[in-house]
Amino acid sequence: MIRIEPPPSPSPRRAFLAGTGALALGGLLASPVPRAQQPPAGTYAPTRGQAGKDVIWIPSPDALVTRMLRLAQVTPEDYVIDLGSGDGKIVIAAAREGARGLGIEYNTDLVELSRLHAQQAQVAARARFEKADIFESDFSRATVVTMYLLPHLNLRLRPRIMALRPGTRVVSHEFRMGLWRPDETSRVGAASVHLWLVPANAGGDWDLSFPHAGGRSTVRMSLRQAFQDLSGTVAFKDFETGLREARVAGEQVRFGFIDEAGHLRRFEGRVAGNRIAGTVHDLTAGTRAPFSALRTGDMPPIEGAGPAPENEAERLSSE
């Protein structure tokens, strides 16, 4: 394939502000294509900064692409969908690690170039590319979503991303998704890579049951969820207490509190629909045991899962 080595340039944020629209992921494979597999003379070659429907095209460095895949912990079991796939670099790199993938790209020339690169890398059976609008495409099959888009486009996509299967990994080059804080951020040179885990819905009222004093205690727990963050209370007979370290990571949930006996308990479990099951650690007594919880009312929507408020987009655009 054609190897493009752009000259040193300003940081991605300053580069974006110098143009219009968003960036599309593109560029090179994680490992350079051997010279013998270079495309024939006259093959279409994208130009750094070229305009598209919603994007300008700027290639991502090899080290950054590798970190994106590592941060998402891509395995051969994954289905990777790249939103704005450019010349196919992300999808092809994932396919070379055994995963399957789909690149969604609006530019027909880039789609054809991506298919050529996939053939040269001998991964065409696992790396597909289609000409489509990312805002009209179905990417619900993805276990990993990658993107390199401007903040206002990330916000526009956020409701659909939040609706993906809990545990889906989302990795963005440089730009975040408003008030939805990343679960992890890496720095590669001057650039940032952000990871989110699509959270399960743990909000609402629950009957929480766990071993206690030789028997079993069932208490009412009320949870409020904003993105992956939880807050709430547990009601005992004579008092109510708040939760500590409450958070959802994909399907996994954790929280803690001090019970009526003064024991600090930490709960770690898995959300499956209206049930939670897992292990409670009694950190005071040094024991652990199974616990369960059953949601007793409606499943409220996660705060932030709907369209971004207008003032959120305005605040981001002024940064």
C-alpha atoms as a PDB file:
ATOM      1  CA  MET A   1       0.000   0.000   0.000  1.00  0.00           C
ATOM      2  CA  ILE A   2       1.042   3.609  -0.251  1.00  0.00           C
ATOM      3  CA  ARG A   3       2.900   4.800   2.806  1.00  0.00           C
ATOM      4  CA  ILE A   4       2.136   8.387   3.704  1.00  0.00           C
ATOM      5  CA  GLU A   5       4.485  10.135   6.086  1.00  0.00           C
ATOM      6  CA  PRO A   6       3.077  13.628   6.680  1.00  0.00           C
ATOM      7  CA  PRO A   7       5.437  16.343   7.845  1.00  0.00           C
ATOM      8  CA  PRO A   8       5.297  17.510  11.470  1.00  0.00           C
ATOM      9  CA  SER A   9       2.074  19.370  12.133  1.00  0.00           C
ATOM     10  CA  PRO A  10       0.287  21.177  14.951  1.00  0.00           C
ATOM     11  CA  SER A  11      -1.576  19.212  17.616  1.00  0.00           C
ATOM     12  CA  PRO A  12      -4.763  17.474  16.385  1.00  0.00           C
ATOM     13  CA  ARG A  13      -6.969  20.014  18.226  1.00  0.00           C
ATOM     14  CA  ARG A  14      -5.302  22.973  16.511  1.00  0.00           C
ATOM     15  CA  ALA A  15      -5.375  21.143  13.168  1.00  0.00           C
ATOM     16  CA  PHE A  16      -9.110  20.613  13.519  1.00  0.00           C
ATOM     17  CA  LEU A  17      -9.781  24.225  14.358  1.00  0.00           C
ATOM     18  CA  ALA A  18      -7.917  25.239  11.226  1.00  0.00           C
ATOM     19  CA  GLY A  19     -10.421  23.387   9.029  1.00  0.00           C
ATOM     20  CA  THR A  20     -14.073  22.451   8.972  1.00  0.00           C
ATOM     21  CA  GLY A  21     -15.806  19.167   9.725  1.00  0.00           C
ATOM     22  CA  ALA A  22     -14.295  16.152  11.475  1.00  0.00           C
ATOM     23  CA  LEU A  23     -11.345  13.920  10.887  1.00  0.00           C
ATOM     24  CA  ALA A  24     -11.636  10.429   9.496  1.00  0.00           C
ATOM     25  CA  LEU A  25      -9.354   7.654  10.667  1.00  0.00           C
ATOM     26  CA  GLY A  26      -7.025   6.546   7.930  1.00  0.00           C
ATOM     27  CA  GLY A  27      -3.426   6.030   6.975  1.00  0.00           C
ATOM     28  CA  LEU A  28      -1.237   2.988   7.438  1.00  0.00           C
ATOM     29  CA  LEU A  29      -1.487  -0.493   8.793  1.00  0.00           C
ATOM     30  CA  ALA A  30      -0.093  -1.118  12.260  1.00  0.00           C
ATOM     31  CA  SER A  31       2.749  -2.847  10.416  1.00  0.00           C
ATOM     32  CA  PRO A  32       3.918  -1.328   7.108  1.00  0.00           C
ATOM     33  CA  VAL A  33       2.888  -3.163   3.954  1.00  0.00           C
ATOM     34  CA  PRO A  34       5.880  -4.757   2.186  1.00  0.00           C
ATOM     35  CA  ARG A  35       7.090  -2.793  -0.820  1.00  0.00           C
ATOM     36  CA  ALA A  36       6.155  -5.652  -3.133  1.00  0.00           C
ATOM     37  CA  GLN A  37       2.504  -5.112  -2.196  1.00  0.00           C
ATOM     38  CA  GLN A  38       2.443  -1.423  -3.062  1.00  0.00           C
ATOM     39  CA  PRO A  39      -0.598  -0.512  -5.207  1.00  0.00           C
ATOM     40  CA  PRO A  40      -0.037  -0.040  -8.924  1.00  0.00           C
ATOM     41  CA  ALA A  41       0.979   3.326 -10.302  1.00  0.00           C
ATOM     42  CA  GLY A  42      -2.001   5.604 -10.758  1.00  0.00           C
ATOM     43  CA  THR A  43      -3.955   4.195  -7.804  1.00  0.00           C
ATOM     44  CA  TYR A  44      -5.991   6.812  -5.957  1.00  0.00           C
ATOM     45  CA  ALA A  45      -4.061   8.359  -3.058  1.00  0.00           C
ATOM     46  CA  PRO A  46      -5.835  10.565  -0.501  1.00  0.00           C
ATOM     47  CA  THR A  47      -4.399  13.954   0.378  1.00  0.00           C
ATOM     48  CA  ARG A  48      -3.913  15.004   3.967  1.00  0.00           C
ATOM     49  CA  GLY A  49      -6.651  17.490   4.902  1.00  0.00           C
ATOM     50  CA  GLN A  50      -8.901  16.716   1.950  1.00  0.00           C
ATOM     51  CA  ALA A  51     -12.565  17.556   2.548  1.00  0.00           C
ATOM     52  CA  GLY A  52     -15.373  15.034   2.697  1.00  0.00           C
ATOM     53  CA  LYS A  53     -19.065  15.033   3.581  1.00  0.00           C
ATOM     54  CA  ASP A  54     -18.582  15.693   7.300  1.00  0.00           C
ATOM     55  CA  VAL A  55     -14.852  15.225   7.624  1.00  0.00           C
ATOM     56  CA  ILE A  56     -11.394  16.116   6.569  1.00  0.00           C
ATOM     57  CA  TRP A  57      -8.958  13.248   6.174  1.00  0.00           C
ATOM     58  CA  ILE A  58      -5.827  13.116   8.320  1.00  0.00           C
ATOM     59  CA  PRO A  59      -3.925   9.834   8.841  1.00  0.00           C
ATOM     60  CA  SER A  60      -3.378   8.483  12.347  1.00  0.00           C
ATOM     61  CA  PRO A  61       0.154   7.458  13.416  1.00  0.00           C
ATOM     62  CA  ASP A  62       0.893   3.743  13.616  1.00  0.00           C
ATOM     63  CA  ALA A  63       1.674   3.841  17.349  1.00  0.00           C
ATOM     64  CA  LEU A  64      -1.637   5.544  18.071  1.00  0.00           C
ATOM     65  CA  VAL A  65      -3.623   2.964  16.095  1.00  0.00           C
ATOM     66  CA  THR A  66      -1.856   0.179  17.955  1.00  0.00           C
ATOM     67  CA  ARG A  67      -2.729   1.802  21.283  1.00  0.00           C
ATOM     68  CA  MET A  68      -6.374   2.149  20.235  1.00  0.00           C
ATOM     69  CA  LEU A  69      -6.576  -1.590  19.602  1.00  0.00           C
ATOM     70  CA  ARG A  70      -4.726  -2.385  22.820  1.00  0.00           C
ATOM     71  CA  LEU A  71      -6.943  -0.065  24.859  1.00  0.00           C
ATOM     72  CA  ALA A  72     -10.016  -1.804  23.427  1.00  0.00           C
ATOM     73  CA  GLN A  73      -8.363  -5.187  24.105  1.00  0.00           C
ATOM     74  CA  VAL A  74      -9.283  -6.422  20.639  1.00  0.00           C
ATOM     75  CA  THR A  75      -9.247 -10.216  20.261  1.00  0.00           C
ATOM     76  CA  PRO A  76     -10.173 -12.608  17.430  1.00  0.00           C
ATOM     77  CA  GLU A  77     -13.651 -12.803  18.989  1.00  0.00           C
ATOM     78  CA  ASP A  78     -14.365  -9.132  18.313  1.00  0.00           C
ATOM     79  CA  TYR A  79     -16.259  -7.334  15.580  1.00  0.00           C
ATOM     80  CA  VAL A  80     -14.705  -3.893  15.104  1.00  0.00           C
ATOM     81  CA  ILE A  81     -16.617  -1.092  13.373  1.00  0.00           C
ATOM     82  CA  ASP A  82     -14.711   2.054  12.438  1.00  0.00           C
ATOM     83  CA  LEU A  83     -16.882   5.140  11.941  1.00  0.00           C
ATOM     84  CA  GLY A  84     -15.283   7.175   9.177  1.00  0.00           C
ATOM     85  CA  SER A  85     -12.716   4.568   8.206  1.00  0.00           C
ATOM     86  CA  GLY A  86     -10.646   6.554   5.686  1.00  0.00           C
ATOM     87  CA  ASP A  87      -8.336   4.183   3.845  1.00  0.00           C
ATOM     88  CA  GLY A  88      -9.115   1.314   6.222  1.00  0.00           C
ATOM     89  CA  LYS A  89      -6.182   1.383   8.588  1.00  0.00           C
ATOM     90  CA  ILE A  90      -8.027   0.575  11.832  1.00  0.00           C
ATOM     91  CA  VAL A  91     -10.138  -2.256  10.432  1.00  0.00           C
ATOM     92  CA  ILE A  92      -7.210  -3.821   8.596  1.00  0.00           C
ATOM     93  CA  ALA A  93      -4.975  -3.626  11.666  1.00  0.00           C
ATOM     94  CA  ALA A  94      -7.706  -5.325  13.734  1.00  0.00           C
ATOM     95  CA  ALA A  95      -8.172  -8.005  11.064  1.00  0.00           C
ATOM     96  CA  ARG A  96      -4.445  -8.722  11.085  1.00  0.00           C
ATOM     97  CA  GLU A  97      -4.893  -9.580  14.778  1.00  0.00           C
ATOM     98  CA  GLY A  98      -7.662 -12.036  13.938  1.00  0.00           C
ATOM     99  CA  ALA A  99     -10.723  -9.873  14.523  1.00  0.00           C
ATOM    100  CA  ARG A 100     -13.480  -9.200  12.011  1.00  0.00           C
ATOM    101  CA  GLY A 101     -14.307  -5.647  11.105  1.00  0.00           C
ATOM    102  CA  LEU A 102     -16.292  -3.175   9.071  1.00  0.00           C
ATOM    103  CA  GLY A 103     -15.230   0.275   7.945  1.00  0.00           C
ATOM    104  CA  ILE A 104     -17.988   2.798   7.242  1.00  0.00           C
ATOM    105  CA  GLU A 105     -16.787   5.563   4.909  1.00  0.00           C
ATOM    106  CA  TYR A 106     -18.681   8.062   2.757  1.00  0.00           C
ATOM    107  CA  ASN A 107     -15.915   8.642   0.187  1.00  0.00           C
ATOM    108  CA  THR A 108     -16.212   6.027  -2.561  1.00  0.00           C
ATOM    109  CA  ASP A 109     -12.540   6.346  -3.560  1.00  0.00           C
ATOM    110  CA  LEU A 110     -11.421   5.695   0.025  1.00  0.00           C
ATOM    111  CA  VAL A 111     -13.704   2.668   0.234  1.00  0.00           C
ATOM    112  CA  GLU A 112     -12.135   1.190  -2.906  1.00  0.00           C
ATOM    113  CA  LEU A 113      -8.650   2.000  -1.630  1.00  0.00           C
ATOM    114  CA  SER A 114      -9.465   0.299   1.695  1.00  0.00           C
ATOM    115  CA  ARG A 115     -10.578  -2.838  -0.119  1.00  0.00           C
ATOM    116  CA  LEU A 116      -7.339  -2.863  -2.077  1.00  0.00           C
ATOM    117  CA  HIS A 117      -5.311  -2.476   1.119  1.00  0.00           C
ATOM    118  CA  ALA A 118      -7.253  -5.334   2.731  1.00  0.00           C
ATOM    119  CA  GLN A 119      -6.489  -7.580  -0.237  1.00  0.00           C
ATOM    120  CA  GLN A 120      -2.808  -6.680  -0.075  1.00  0.00           C
ATOM    121  CA  ALA A 121      -2.739  -7.448   3.648  1.00  0.00           C
ATOM    122  CA  GLN A 122      -4.515 -10.756   2.919  1.00  0.00           C
ATOM    123  CA  VAL A 123      -7.338  -9.973   5.348  1.00  0.00           C
ATOM    124  CA  ALA A 124     -10.147  -9.168   2.884  1.00  0.00           C
ATOM    125  CA  ALA A 125     -12.220 -12.057   4.280  1.00  0.00           C
ATOM    126  CA  ARG A 126     -12.250 -10.379   7.717  1.00  0.00           C
ATOM    127  CA  ALA A 127     -12.108  -6.689   6.776  1.00  0.00           C
ATOM    128  CA  ARG A 128     -15.107  -5.253   4.907  1.00  0.00           C
ATOM    129  CA  PHE A 129     -15.759  -1.684   3.838  1.00  0.00           C
ATOM    130  CA  GLU A 130     -18.954  -0.008   2.767  1.00  0.00           C
ATOM    131  CA  LYS A 131     -19.829   3.388   1.389  1.00  0.00           C
ATOM    132  CA  ALA A 132     -22.364   4.837   3.827  1.00  0.00           C
ATOM    133  CA  ASP A 133     -23.231   7.726   6.120  1.00  0.00           C
ATOM    134  CA  ILE A 134     -22.232   6.923   9.713  1.00  0.00           C
ATOM    135  CA  PHE A 135     -25.349   8.701  11.012  1.00  0.00           C
ATOM    136  CA  GLU A 136     -27.601   6.442   8.959  1.00  0.00           C
ATOM    137  CA  SER A 137     -25.695   3.169   9.438  1.00  0.00           C
ATOM    138  CA  ASP A 138     -26.418   0.313  11.816  1.00  0.00           C
ATOM    139  CA  PHE A 139     -23.389  -0.459  13.963  1.00  0.00           C
ATOM    140  CA  SER A 140     -25.226  -2.403  16.694  1.00  0.00           C
ATOM    141  CA  ARG A 141     -23.259  -5.580  15.860  1.00  0.00           C
ATOM    142  CA  ALA A 142     -20.010  -4.043  17.032  1.00  0.00           C
ATOM    143  CA  THR A 143     -18.189  -5.232  20.118  1.00  0.00           C
ATOM    144  CA  VAL A 144     -15.639  -2.458  19.504  1.00  0.00           C
ATOM    145  CA  VAL A 145     -16.337   0.952  17.935  1.00  0.00           C
ATOM    146  CA  THR A 146     -13.495   3.244  16.857  1.00  0.00           C
ATOM    147  CA  MET A 147     -13.724   6.840  15.686  1.00  0.00           C
ATOM    148  CA  TYR A 148     -11.819  10.079  15.084  1.00  0.00           C
ATOM    149  CA  LEU A 149     -14.528  12.722  14.975  1.00  0.00           C
ATOM    150  CA  LEU A 150     -14.994  16.244  16.274  1.00  0.00           C
ATOM    151  CA  PRO A 151     -16.772  16.752  19.626  1.00  0.00           C
ATOM    152  CA  HIS A 152     -20.117  17.858  18.193  1.00  0.00           C
ATOM    153  CA  LEU A 153     -20.255  14.730  16.017  1.00  0.00           C
ATOM    154  CA  ASN A 154     -19.351  12.540  18.994  1.00  0.00           C
ATOM    155  CA  LEU A 155     -22.231  14.127  20.904  1.00  0.00           C
ATOM    156  CA  ARG A 156     -24.585  13.495  18.008  1.00  0.00           C
ATOM    157  CA  LEU A 157     -23.599   9.816  18.012  1.00  0.00           C
ATOM    158  CA  ARG A 158     -23.611   9.444  21.793  1.00  0.00           C
ATOM    159  CA  PRO A 159     -27.250   8.324  22.217  1.00  0.00           C
ATOM    160  CA  ARG A 160     -26.757   5.523  19.696  1.00  0.00           C
ATOM    161  CA  ILE A 161     -23.491   4.507  21.323  1.00  0.00           C
ATOM    162  CA  MET A 162     -25.070   4.471  24.780  1.00  0.00           C
ATOM    163  CA  ALA A 163     -27.763   2.167  23.368  1.00  0.00           C
ATOM    164  CA  LEU A 164     -25.228  -0.446  22.272  1.00  0.00           C
ATOM    165  CA  ARG A 165     -24.848  -3.745  24.097  1.00  0.00           C
ATOM    166  CA  PRO A 166     -23.425  -3.244  27.624  1.00  0.00           C
ATOM    167  CA  GLY A 167     -19.705  -3.874  27.619  1.00  0.00           C
ATOM    168  CA  THR A 168     -19.178  -2.619  24.054  1.00  0.00           C
ATOM    169  CA  ARG A 169     -15.803  -0.843  23.941  1.00  0.00           C
ATOM    170  CA  VAL A 170     -15.630   2.563  22.302  1.00  0.00           C
ATOM    171  CA  VAL A 171     -12.293   4.189  21.469  1.00  0.00           C
ATOM    172  CA  SER A 172     -11.911   7.751  20.228  1.00  0.00           C
ATOM    173  CA  HIS A 173      -8.769   9.404  18.910  1.00  0.00           C
ATOM    174  CA  GLU A 174      -8.369  12.792  20.633  1.00  0.00           C
ATOM    175  CA  PHE A 175     -11.972  13.889  21.177  1.00  0.00           C
ATOM    176  CA  ARG A 176     -14.317  13.029  24.006  1.00  0.00           C
ATOM    177  CA  MET A 177     -18.105  12.711  24.348  1.00  0.00           C
ATOM    178  CA  GLY A 178     -19.145  15.661  26.412  1.00  0.00           C
ATOM    179  CA  LEU A 179     -20.013  14.914  30.029  1.00  0.00           C
ATOM    180  CA  TRP A 180     -19.545  11.162  29.531  1.00  0.00           C
ATOM    181  CA  ARG A 181     -16.124  10.754  31.111  1.00  0.00           C
ATOM    182  CA  PRO A 182     -13.789   8.128  29.595  1.00  0.00           C
ATOM    183  CA  ASP A 183     -13.090   4.989  31.605  1.00  0.00           C
ATOM    184  CA  GLU A 184      -9.431   5.295  30.595  1.00  0.00           C
ATOM    185  CA  THR A 185      -7.296   7.763  28.634  1.00  0.00           C
ATOM    186  CA  SER A 186      -3.880   7.177  27.091  1.00  0.00           C
ATOM    187  CA  ARG A 187      -1.389   9.655  25.684  1.00  0.00           C
ATOM    188  CA  VAL A 188       0.594   8.773  22.562  1.00  0.00           C
ATOM    189  CA  GLY A 189       2.994  11.605  21.874  1.00  0.00           C
ATOM    190  CA  ALA A 190       0.878  14.759  21.625  1.00  0.00           C
ATOM    191  CA  ALA A 191      -2.377  12.881  21.009  1.00  0.00           C
ATOM    192  CA  SER A 192      -4.969  11.347  23.338  1.00  0.00           C
ATOM    193  CA  VAL A 193      -6.904   8.109  23.033  1.00  0.00           C
ATOM    194  CA  HIS A 194     -10.062   7.645  25.111  1.00  0.00           C
ATOM    195  CA  LEU A 195     -11.885   4.436  26.065  1.00  0.00           C
ATOM    196  CA  TRP A 196     -15.502   4.073  27.173  1.00  0.00           C
ATOM    197  CA  LEU A 197     -17.321   0.909  28.198  1.00  0.00           C
ATOM    198  CA  VAL A 198     -21.010   1.096  27.347  1.00  0.00           C
ATOM    199  CA  PRO A 199     -22.670   0.725  30.764  1.00  0.00           C
ATOM    200  CA  ALA A 200     -25.508  -1.573  31.704  1.00  0.00           C
ATOM    201  CA  ASN A 201     -28.560   0.071  33.227  1.00  0.00           C
ATOM    202  CA  ALA A 202     -28.411  -0.386  37.016  1.00  0.00           C
ATOM    203  CA  GLY A 203     -30.812   2.427  37.950  1.00  0.00           C
ATOM    204  CA  GLY A 204     -34.035   2.055  39.872  1.00  0.00           C
ATOM    205  CA  ASP A 205     -35.206   0.306  43.042  1.00  0.00           C
ATOM    206  CA  TRP A 206     -33.764  -3.050  44.043  1.00  0.00           C
ATOM    207  CA  ASP A 207     -34.283  -5.689  46.715  1.00  0.00           C
ATOM    208  CA  LEU A 208     -30.703  -6.420  47.764  1.00  0.00           C
ATOM    209  CA  SER A 209     -30.158  -9.755  49.510  1.00  0.00           C
ATOM    210  CA  PHE A 210     -26.939 -10.850  51.208  1.00  0.00           C
ATOM    211  CA  PRO A 211     -25.786 -13.107  54.087  1.00  0.00           C
ATOM    212  CA  HIS A 212     -25.881 -11.405  57.470  1.00  0.00           C
ATOM    213  CA  ALA A 213     -25.565 -12.531  61.113  1.00  0.00           C
ATOM    214  CA  GLY A 214     -25.990 -16.223  60.352  1.00  0.00           C
ATOM    215  CA  GLY A 215     -28.993 -15.589  58.142  1.00  0.00           C
ATOM    216  CA  ARG A 216     -29.857 -13.477  55.161  1.00  0.00           C
ATOM    217  CA  SER A 217     -30.756  -9.786  55.046  1.00  0.00           C
ATOM    218  CA  THR A 218     -32.868  -8.129  52.351  1.00  0.00           C
ATOM    219  CA  VAL A 219     -32.845  -4.334  52.133  1.00  0.00           C
ATOM    220  CA  ARG A 220     -34.223  -1.778  49.713  1.00  0.00           C
ATOM    221  CA  MET A 221     -31.573  -0.132  47.507  1.00  0.00           C
ATOM    222  CA  SER A 222     -32.351   2.835  45.259  1.00  0.00           C
ATOM    223  CA  LEU A 223     -29.895   3.688  42.489  1.00  0.00           C
ATOM    224  CA  ARG A 224     -29.577   6.692  40.224  1.00  0.00           C
ATOM    225  CA  GLN A 225     -27.306   6.354  37.180  1.00  0.00           C
ATOM    226  CA  ALA A 226     -25.644   9.062  35.092  1.00  0.00           C
ATOM    227  CA  PHE A 227     -23.512   7.456  32.373  1.00  0.00           C
ATOM    228  CA  GLN A 228     -21.357   4.924  34.303  1.00  0.00           C
ATOM    229  CA  ASP A 229     -21.638   6.707  37.664  1.00  0.00           C
ATOM    230  CA  LEU A 230     -24.042   5.525  40.356  1.00  0.00           C
ATOM    231  CA  SER A 231     -25.416   7.233  43.432  1.00  0.00           C
ATOM    232  CA  GLY A 232     -28.054   6.003  45.817  1.00  0.00           C
ATOM    233  CA  THR A 233     -29.104   4.783  49.217  1.00  0.00           C
ATOM    234  CA  VAL A 234     -29.732   1.563  51.136  1.00  0.00           C
ATOM    235  CA  ALA A 235     -32.586   1.555  53.663  1.00  0.00           C
ATOM    236  CA  PHE A 236     -32.190  -0.416  56.898  1.00  0.00           C
ATOM    237  CA  LYS A 237     -34.784  -0.687  59.669  1.00  0.00           C
ATOM    238  CA  ASP A 238     -33.589   2.299  61.673  1.00  0.00           C
ATOM    239  CA  PHE A 239     -31.540   4.321  59.189  1.00  0.00           C
ATOM    240  CA  GLU A 240     -30.657   4.979  55.570  1.00  0.00           C
ATOM    241  CA  THR A 241     -27.106   5.154  54.261  1.00  0.00           C
ATOM    242  CA  GLY A 242     -25.493   6.269  51.033  1.00  0.00           C
ATOM    243  CA  LEU A 243     -23.331   4.213  48.725  1.00  0.00           C
ATOM    244  CA  ARG A 244     -19.580   4.555  48.300  1.00  0.00           C
ATOM    245  CA  GLU A 245     -17.441   3.862  45.215  1.00  0.00           C
ATOM    246  CA  ALA A 246     -20.554   3.067  43.167  1.00  0.00           C
ATOM    247  CA  ARG A 247     -19.916   2.579  39.460  1.00  0.00           C
ATOM    248  CA  VAL A 248     -20.849   0.532  36.408  1.00  0.00           C
ATOM    249  CA  ALA A 249     -18.194  -0.769  33.992  1.00  0.00           C
ATOM    250  CA  GLY A 250     -19.919  -2.504  31.099  1.00  0.00           C
ATOM    251  CA  GLU A 251     -22.007  -5.257  32.696  1.00  0.00           C
ATOM    252  CA  GLN A 252     -20.043  -5.112  35.936  1.00  0.00           C
ATOM    253  CA  VAL A 253     -21.301  -3.089  38.908  1.00  0.00           C
ATOM    254  CA  ARG A 254     -19.694  -2.282  42.244  1.00  0.00           C
ATOM    255  CA  PHE A 255     -20.745  -0.363  45.336  1.00  0.00           C
ATOM    256  CA  GLY A 256     -20.228  -0.428  49.090  1.00  0.00           C
ATOM    257  CA  PHE A 257     -21.683   0.708  52.403  1.00  0.00           C
ATOM    258  CA  ILE A 258     -21.423   0.144  56.156  1.00  0.00           C
ATOM    259  CA  ASP A 259     -24.271  -2.002  57.476  1.00  0.00           C
ATOM    260  CA  GLU A 260     -26.133  -1.796  60.786  1.00  0.00           C
ATOM    261  CA  ALA A 261     -23.485  -3.896  62.525  1.00  0.00           C
ATOM    262  CA  GLY A 262     -20.750  -1.480  61.453  1.00  0.00           C
ATOM    263  CA  HIS A 263     -19.301  -3.840  58.862  1.00  0.00           C
ATOM    264  CA  LEU A 264     -17.943  -2.348  55.664  1.00  0.00           C
ATOM    265  CA  ARG A 265     -19.315  -4.349  52.753  1.00  0.00           C
ATOM    266  CA  ARG A 266     -18.162  -4.137  49.133  1.00  0.00           C
ATOM    267  CA  PHE A 267     -20.387  -5.607  46.425  1.00  0.00           C
ATOM    268  CA  GLU A 268     -19.124  -6.662  42.997  1.00  0.00           C
ATOM    269  CA  GLY A 269     -21.569  -8.181  40.533  1.00  0.00           C
ATOM    270  CA  ARG A 270     -22.953  -8.441  37.025  1.00  0.00           C
ATOM    271  CA  VAL A 271     -26.087  -6.710  35.783  1.00  0.00           C
ATOM    272  CA  ALA A 272     -28.305  -8.939  33.627  1.00  0.00           C
ATOM    273  CA  GLY A 273     -31.604  -7.231  32.871  1.00  0.00           C
ATOM    274  CA  ASN A 274     -33.472  -6.825  36.156  1.00  0.00           C
ATOM    275  CA  ARG A 275     -31.093  -8.978  38.167  1.00  0.00           C
ATOM    276  CA  ILE A 276     -27.667  -8.534  39.711  1.00  0.00           C
ATOM    277  CA  ALA A 277     -25.595 -11.416  41.030  1.00  0.00           C
ATOM    278  CA  GLY A 278     -22.099 -11.436  42.424  1.00  0.00           C
ATOM    279  CA  THR A 279     -19.937 -11.478  45.530  1.00  0.00           C
ATOM    280  CA  VAL A 280     -20.129  -9.334  48.664  1.00  0.00           C
ATOM    281  CA  HIS A 281     -16.896  -8.840  50.589  1.00  0.00           C
ATOM    282  CA  ASP A 282     -17.229  -8.174  54.314  1.00  0.00           C
ATOM    283  CA  LEU A 283     -14.034  -6.176  54.742  1.00  0.00           C
ATOM    284  CA  THR A 284     -14.507  -5.914  58.497  1.00  0.00           C
ATOM    285  CA  ALA A 285     -14.844  -9.665  59.095  1.00  0.00           C
ATOM    286  CA  GLY A 286     -12.613 -10.679  56.198  1.00  0.00           C
ATOM    287  CA  THR A 287     -15.218 -12.926  54.575  1.00  0.00           C
ATOM    288  CA  ARG A 288     -17.052 -13.077  51.274  1.00  0.00           C
ATOM    289  CA  ALA A 289     -20.283 -14.653  50.060  1.00  0.00           C
ATOM    290  CA  PRO A 290     -22.747 -14.543  47.151  1.00  0.00           C
ATOM    291  CA  PHE A 291     -25.334 -11.770  46.908  1.00  0.00           C
ATOM    292  CA  SER A 292     -28.238 -11.053  44.583  1.00  0.00           C
ATOM    293  CA  ALA A 293     -30.541  -8.170  43.758  1.00  0.00           C
ATOM    294  CA  LEU A 294     -33.866  -7.951  41.952  1.00  0.00           C
ATOM    295  CA  ARG A 295     -35.168  -4.739  40.390  1.00  0.00           C
ATOM    296  CA  THR A 296     -38.655  -4.149  41.742  1.00  0.00           C
ATOM    297  CA  GLY A 297     -39.902  -1.295  39.573  1.00  0.00           C
ATOM    298  CA  ASP A 298     -39.359   0.247  36.184  1.00  0.00           C
ATOM    299  CA  MET A 299     -35.932   0.540  34.598  1.00  0.00           C
ATOM    300  CA  PRO A 300     -35.372   4.300  34.363  1.00  0.00           C
ATOM    301  CA  PRO A 301     -33.318   5.662  31.454  1.00  0.00           C
ATOM    302  CA  ILE A 302     -29.656   6.361  32.147  1.00  0.00           C
ATOM    303  CA  GLU A 303     -29.054  10.062  32.553  1.00  0.00           C
ATOM    304  CA  GLY A 304     -27.089  11.211  29.511  1.00  0.00           C
ATOM    305  CA  ALA A 305     -28.346   8.436  27.252  1.00  0.00           C
ATOM    306  CA  GLY A 306     -30.656  10.783  25.364  1.00  0.00           C
ATOM    307  CA  PRO A 307     -29.753  13.598  22.973  1.00  0.00           C
ATOM    308  CA  ALA A 308     -27.149  15.983  24.360  1.00  0.00           C
ATOM    309  CA  PRO A 309     -28.592  19.229  25.720  1.00  0.00           C
ATOM    310  CA  GLU A 310     -27.897  22.205  23.501  1.00  0.00           C
ATOM    311  CA  ASN A 311     -25.881  23.965  26.214  1.00  0.00           C
ATOM    312  CA  GLU A 312     -23.579  20.940  26.495  1.00  0.00           C
ATOM    313  CA  ALA A 313     -22.621  21.240  22.835  1.00  0.00           C
ATOM    314  CA  GLU A 314     -22.200  25.008  23.174  1.00  0.00           C
ATOM    315  CA  ARG A 315     -19.950  24.630  26.177  1.00  0.00           C
ATOM    316  CA  LEU A 316     -17.757  22.111  24.357  1.00  0.00           C
ATOM    317  CA  SER A 317     -17.493  24.286  21.239  1.00  0.00           C
ATOM    318  CA  SER A 318     -16.181  27.167  23.348  1.00  0.00           C
ATOM    319  CA  GLU A 319     -13.346  25.137  24.875  1.00  0.00           C
END
